[in-house]
Amino acid sequence: MRWIRIIIGVLLGVLACTAAWTRRAMRWGATLEEITSAGTGDGWFEGVPGSRVRMTRAISIKAPPEAVWCWLAQMGRGAGWYSYDRLDNGGRASARHVVGWIPEPRLGDATAIGYLRHLEPGREIVWWAPDVRFLGAQTWSAWRYRVVPKGNGSRLLMRVDGASTGSTRWLVVLLLPLIDSIMALRQLRNLKQRAEHHGVGTEEPDDPETGERDQYQVNHVIYASGEEAGIPGREGAGKSRSSAEADGVV
């Protein structure tokens, strides 16, 4: 019985530490003003049922907004996700330069995290994934990235909103913040590193472009034009494209 109590105590301690880290990571780097500010996509959840979760994170970058925007504009659209490439990019290394063949973002571009529903070139990009099955529950999510000038550099805000309904929604609300926080913190740091050290560079001598549309990203991408990149059928771009068409975006 003593060993059982010890094991239970250790497990409870690990869970408590994980929960505390996740709560902190959900607001990593963000000021109170950034956390409480209204933003694009807030109204998209009106009438959406179920439990809600919001995560707001931010990072300061020693580079002008245009040097940050070029990385946001191609992220997930053929250049990779700048997070843990072994986990979310099939082991492919995300691009370390501005990829020449990736088109400018357009409303209706579809990829793994949804379709592009809102766009302010040079400033803000918002992805929307409606009515997606995740961990047995129906989920809706919005992924917002906004870059603004700050002093001689920039401030990058990342906000993730989600809603979930169904018998397993508690599992989504519990695990989504943990999983997303692990990936997002890595992503923000990598975006900062690329913007500060590579800027708007269009060449990468260690991994020059081959012209292959899955060179830097395996996840499927369907651009608003109908052109594609990545590996067809990989990670749900078709579902996102169908949602964009149903919503009249393309």
Protein backbone atom coordinates (compact mmCIF):
# COMPACT_ATOMS: atom_id res chain seq x y z
CA MET A 1 0.00 0.00 0.00
CA ARG A 2 2.87 2.36 0.79
CA TRP A 3 4.27 2.03 -2.77
CA ILE A 4 0.83 2.59 -4.23
CA ARG A 5 0.48 5.82 -2.26
CA ILE A 6 3.94 6.93 -3.40
CA ILE A 7 3.12 6.21 -7.05
CA ILE A 8 -0.22 8.02 -6.80
CA GLY A 9 1.49 10.96 -5.11
CA VAL A 10 4.12 11.17 -7.84
CA LEU A 11 1.50 11.00 -10.59
CA LEU A 12 -0.58 13.71 -8.93
CA GLY A 13 2.52 15.86 -8.58
CA VAL A 14 3.40 15.42 -12.26
CA LEU A 15 -0.17 16.29 -13.27
CA ALA A 16 -0.17 19.38 -11.05
CA CYS A 17 3.17 20.58 -12.50
CA THR A 18 1.97 19.92 -16.04
CA ALA A 19 -1.25 21.83 -15.43
CA ALA A 20 0.65 24.78 -13.91
CA TRP A 21 3.10 24.87 -16.84
CA THR A 22 0.27 24.69 -19.37
CA ARG A 23 -1.65 27.57 -17.75
CA ARG A 24 1.50 29.68 -17.91
CA ALA A 25 2.32 28.59 -21.48
CA MET A 26 -1.18 29.52 -22.66
CA ARG A 27 -0.24 33.17 -21.98
CA TRP A 28 3.49 32.92 -22.65
CA GLY A 29 5.11 36.26 -23.39
CA ALA A 30 1.82 38.15 -23.67
CA THR A 31 0.92 41.29 -21.74
CA LEU A 32 -2.42 41.71 -19.99
CA GLU A 33 -3.48 44.15 -22.70
CA GLU A 34 -2.65 41.62 -25.42
CA ILE A 35 -4.47 38.84 -23.58
CA THR A 36 -7.66 40.86 -23.06
CA SER A 37 -7.74 42.69 -26.39
CA ALA A 38 -10.45 41.95 -28.94
CA GLY A 39 -9.36 40.57 -32.27
CA THR A 40 -10.28 39.14 -35.64
CA GLY A 41 -12.20 35.90 -35.31
CA ASP A 42 -13.81 36.62 -31.95
CA GLY A 43 -17.25 36.79 -33.55
CA TRP A 44 -16.78 33.58 -35.52
CA PHE A 45 -17.67 31.56 -32.43
CA GLU A 46 -21.08 33.13 -31.87
CA GLY A 47 -23.60 30.30 -31.82
CA VAL A 48 -20.90 27.63 -31.69
CA PRO A 49 -21.78 25.22 -28.85
CA GLY A 50 -19.57 23.52 -26.29
CA SER A 51 -16.58 24.32 -24.11
CA ARG A 52 -14.23 27.14 -25.03
CA VAL A 53 -10.49 27.62 -24.71
CA ARG A 54 -8.30 30.63 -25.60
CA MET A 55 -4.53 30.91 -25.74
CA THR A 56 -2.70 34.19 -26.35
CA ARG A 57 1.07 34.30 -26.72
CA ALA A 58 3.49 36.94 -27.95
CA ILE A 59 7.15 37.54 -28.65
CA SER A 60 9.31 40.59 -29.39
CA ILE A 61 11.49 40.37 -32.49
CA LYS A 62 14.49 42.52 -33.40
CA ALA A 63 13.47 42.84 -37.03
CA PRO A 64 10.99 45.06 -38.93
CA PRO A 65 7.45 43.78 -39.55
CA GLU A 66 8.16 43.02 -43.22
CA ALA A 67 10.97 40.65 -42.16
CA VAL A 68 8.51 38.82 -39.90
CA TRP A 69 5.60 38.84 -42.32
CA CYS A 70 7.40 36.96 -45.08
CA TRP A 71 7.81 33.99 -42.72
CA LEU A 72 4.20 34.11 -41.53
CA ALA A 73 2.97 34.35 -45.11
CA GLN A 74 4.62 31.09 -46.16
CA MET A 75 4.24 29.16 -42.89
CA GLY A 76 2.18 26.03 -43.46
CA ARG A 77 1.82 26.96 -47.12
CA GLY A 78 4.77 24.94 -48.38
CA ALA A 79 7.60 26.14 -46.13
CA GLY A 80 6.86 24.00 -43.07
CA TRP A 81 5.56 24.99 -39.65
CA TYR A 82 8.77 26.13 -37.90
CA SER A 83 7.98 23.95 -34.90
CA TYR A 84 9.21 20.41 -34.17
CA ASP A 85 9.76 19.16 -37.71
CA ARG A 86 9.94 15.53 -36.60
CA LEU A 87 6.45 15.82 -35.14
CA ASP A 88 4.51 18.08 -37.50
CA ASN A 89 6.49 18.05 -40.74
CA GLY A 90 7.31 14.41 -41.37
CA GLY A 91 10.95 15.04 -40.49
CA ARG A 92 11.43 17.58 -43.30
CA ALA A 93 13.35 20.69 -42.28
CA SER A 94 11.23 23.83 -42.49
CA ALA A 95 12.59 26.38 -44.94
CA ARG A 96 15.28 28.77 -43.77
CA HIS A 97 14.69 31.24 -46.57
CA VAL A 98 11.78 32.88 -48.39
CA VAL A 99 10.72 30.16 -50.82
CA GLY A 100 10.48 31.53 -54.35
CA TRP A 101 7.64 29.37 -55.72
CA ILE A 102 5.15 29.84 -52.84
CA PRO A 103 2.43 32.29 -53.98
CA GLU A 104 1.27 35.23 -51.92
CA PRO A 105 -1.43 34.20 -49.41
CA ARG A 106 -5.05 34.44 -50.56
CA LEU A 107 -8.35 33.89 -48.81
CA GLY A 108 -9.34 30.28 -49.21
CA ASP A 109 -5.83 28.79 -49.09
CA ALA A 110 -6.31 25.44 -47.34
CA THR A 111 -3.92 23.47 -45.19
CA ALA A 112 -3.74 21.25 -42.10
CA ILE A 113 -4.99 23.84 -39.60
CA GLY A 114 -7.93 25.06 -41.72
CA TYR A 115 -8.44 27.60 -44.46
CA LEU A 116 -7.35 31.22 -44.67
CA ARG A 117 -10.42 33.25 -43.71
CA HIS A 118 -8.94 36.68 -42.92
CA LEU A 119 -5.93 38.44 -44.37
CA GLU A 120 -4.29 41.84 -43.91
CA PRO A 121 -1.14 41.63 -46.06
CA GLY A 122 1.92 42.59 -44.06
CA ARG A 123 0.02 42.55 -40.77
CA GLU A 124 -2.36 39.71 -39.97
CA ILE A 125 -3.29 36.19 -41.11
CA VAL A 126 -6.10 34.10 -39.57
CA TRP A 127 -6.87 30.44 -40.23
CA TRP A 128 -10.29 28.89 -39.52
CA ALA A 129 -11.09 25.20 -39.03
CA PRO A 130 -14.85 24.64 -38.55
CA ASP A 131 -16.52 21.42 -37.43
CA VAL A 132 -13.47 19.13 -37.31
CA ARG A 133 -13.39 15.78 -35.52
CA PHE A 134 -10.64 15.75 -32.87
CA LEU A 135 -10.25 13.20 -30.06
CA GLY A 136 -13.82 12.06 -30.67
CA ALA A 137 -15.35 15.55 -30.31
CA GLN A 138 -16.53 18.17 -32.79
CA THR A 139 -14.20 21.15 -32.68
CA TRP A 140 -13.93 24.64 -34.16
CA SER A 141 -10.68 26.61 -34.04
CA ALA A 142 -9.17 29.89 -35.20
CA TRP A 143 -5.43 30.57 -35.46
CA ARG A 144 -4.50 34.25 -35.54
CA TYR A 145 -1.02 35.69 -36.17
CA ARG A 146 -0.57 39.45 -36.03
CA VAL A 147 2.65 41.43 -36.36
CA VAL A 148 2.94 45.11 -35.40
CA PRO A 149 5.85 47.56 -35.17
CA LYS A 150 7.48 47.96 -31.78
CA GLY A 151 10.37 50.38 -31.40
CA ASN A 152 13.02 49.37 -33.92
CA GLY A 153 11.56 45.89 -34.21
CA SER A 154 8.27 44.04 -34.10
CA ARG A 155 5.80 42.38 -31.81
CA LEU A 156 4.25 39.08 -32.93
CA LEU A 157 0.95 37.99 -31.37
CA MET A 158 -0.41 34.46 -31.71
CA ARG A 159 -3.96 33.72 -30.55
CA VAL A 160 -5.64 30.34 -30.71
CA ASP A 161 -9.36 30.05 -30.00
CA GLY A 162 -11.16 26.75 -29.83
CA ALA A 163 -14.57 25.32 -29.04
CA SER A 164 -15.52 21.69 -28.60
CA THR A 165 -18.73 19.75 -28.10
CA GLY A 166 -19.47 16.08 -27.50
CA SER A 167 -18.85 13.55 -24.75
CA THR A 168 -15.06 13.87 -25.06
CA ARG A 169 -14.90 17.68 -25.14
CA TRP A 170 -13.28 17.65 -21.67
CA LEU A 171 -10.38 15.70 -23.19
CA VAL A 172 -9.97 18.30 -25.94
CA VAL A 173 -10.01 21.18 -23.45
CA LEU A 174 -7.45 19.32 -21.33
CA LEU A 175 -5.03 18.15 -24.03
CA LEU A 176 -5.27 20.86 -26.72
CA PRO A 177 -3.65 23.58 -24.55
CA LEU A 178 -0.83 21.22 -23.57
CA ILE A 179 -0.09 20.00 -27.10
CA ASP A 180 -0.52 23.42 -28.66
CA SER A 181 1.68 25.12 -26.08
CA ILE A 182 4.57 22.72 -26.69
CA MET A 183 4.41 23.30 -30.44
CA ALA A 184 3.59 27.02 -30.36
CA LEU A 185 6.44 28.10 -28.11
CA ARG A 186 8.90 26.37 -30.42
CA GLN A 187 7.21 27.94 -33.43
CA LEU A 188 7.38 31.48 -32.07
CA ARG A 189 11.05 31.11 -31.15
CA ASN A 190 11.88 29.76 -34.58
CA LEU A 191 9.99 32.59 -36.29
CA LYS A 192 11.98 35.06 -34.20
CA GLN A 193 15.27 33.35 -35.07
CA ARG A 194 14.53 33.31 -38.79
CA ALA A 195 13.34 36.92 -38.94
CA GLU A 196 16.33 38.19 -36.96
CA HIS A 197 19.06 36.13 -38.64
CA HIS A 198 17.72 35.52 -42.15
CA GLY A 199 15.41 38.50 -42.72
CA VAL A 200 13.85 38.44 -46.16
CA GLY A 201 16.62 36.30 -47.63
CA THR A 202 15.64 34.29 -50.69
CA GLU A 203 18.55 31.84 -50.82
CA GLU A 204 19.60 28.93 -48.62
CA PRO A 205 22.97 27.55 -49.73
CA ASP A 206 22.72 24.49 -47.46
CA ASP A 207 19.34 23.43 -48.88
CA PRO A 208 18.78 25.10 -52.26
CA GLU A 209 15.38 24.85 -53.88
CA THR A 210 14.85 21.86 -56.13
CA GLY A 211 11.42 22.92 -57.35
CA GLU A 212 9.80 19.92 -55.64
CA ARG A 213 6.58 21.05 -53.97
CA ASP A 214 7.14 18.84 -50.93
CA GLN A 215 10.77 19.82 -50.32
CA TYR A 216 10.08 21.80 -47.13
CA GLN A 217 6.63 20.57 -46.10
CA VAL A 218 4.90 17.20 -46.34
CA ASN A 219 1.45 18.40 -45.23
CA HIS A 220 -0.86 18.96 -48.16
CA VAL A 221 -1.64 22.54 -49.22
CA ILE A 222 -4.34 23.59 -51.67
CA TYR A 223 -4.00 27.22 -52.71
CA ALA A 224 -7.05 29.33 -53.52
CA SER A 225 -6.03 29.09 -57.18
CA GLY A 226 -6.35 25.31 -57.05
CA GLU A 227 -2.58 24.69 -57.25
CA GLU A 228 -1.13 22.34 -54.66
CA ALA A 229 2.00 21.65 -52.63
CA GLY A 230 3.07 19.05 -50.11
CA ILE A 231 1.95 15.44 -50.37
CA PRO A 232 -1.66 15.14 -51.60
CA GLY A 233 -4.01 13.77 -48.96
CA ARG A 234 -1.60 14.36 -46.07
CA GLU A 235 -3.19 16.07 -43.02
CA GLY A 236 -6.60 17.23 -44.15
CA ALA A 237 -6.18 20.05 -46.66
CA GLY A 238 -9.04 18.57 -48.68
CA LYS A 239 -11.42 18.93 -45.73
CA SER A 240 -10.28 22.54 -45.23
CA ARG A 241 -10.78 23.27 -48.92
CA SER A 242 -14.32 21.84 -48.76
CA SER A 243 -15.08 24.08 -45.77
CA ALA A 244 -13.80 27.14 -47.66
CA GLU A 245 -16.02 26.27 -50.61
CA ALA A 246 -19.04 25.66 -48.37
CA ASP A 247 -18.49 29.04 -46.71
CA GLY A 248 -18.25 30.75 -50.10
CA VAL A 249 -14.64 31.87 -49.65
CA VAL A 250 -13.50 30.18 -52.88
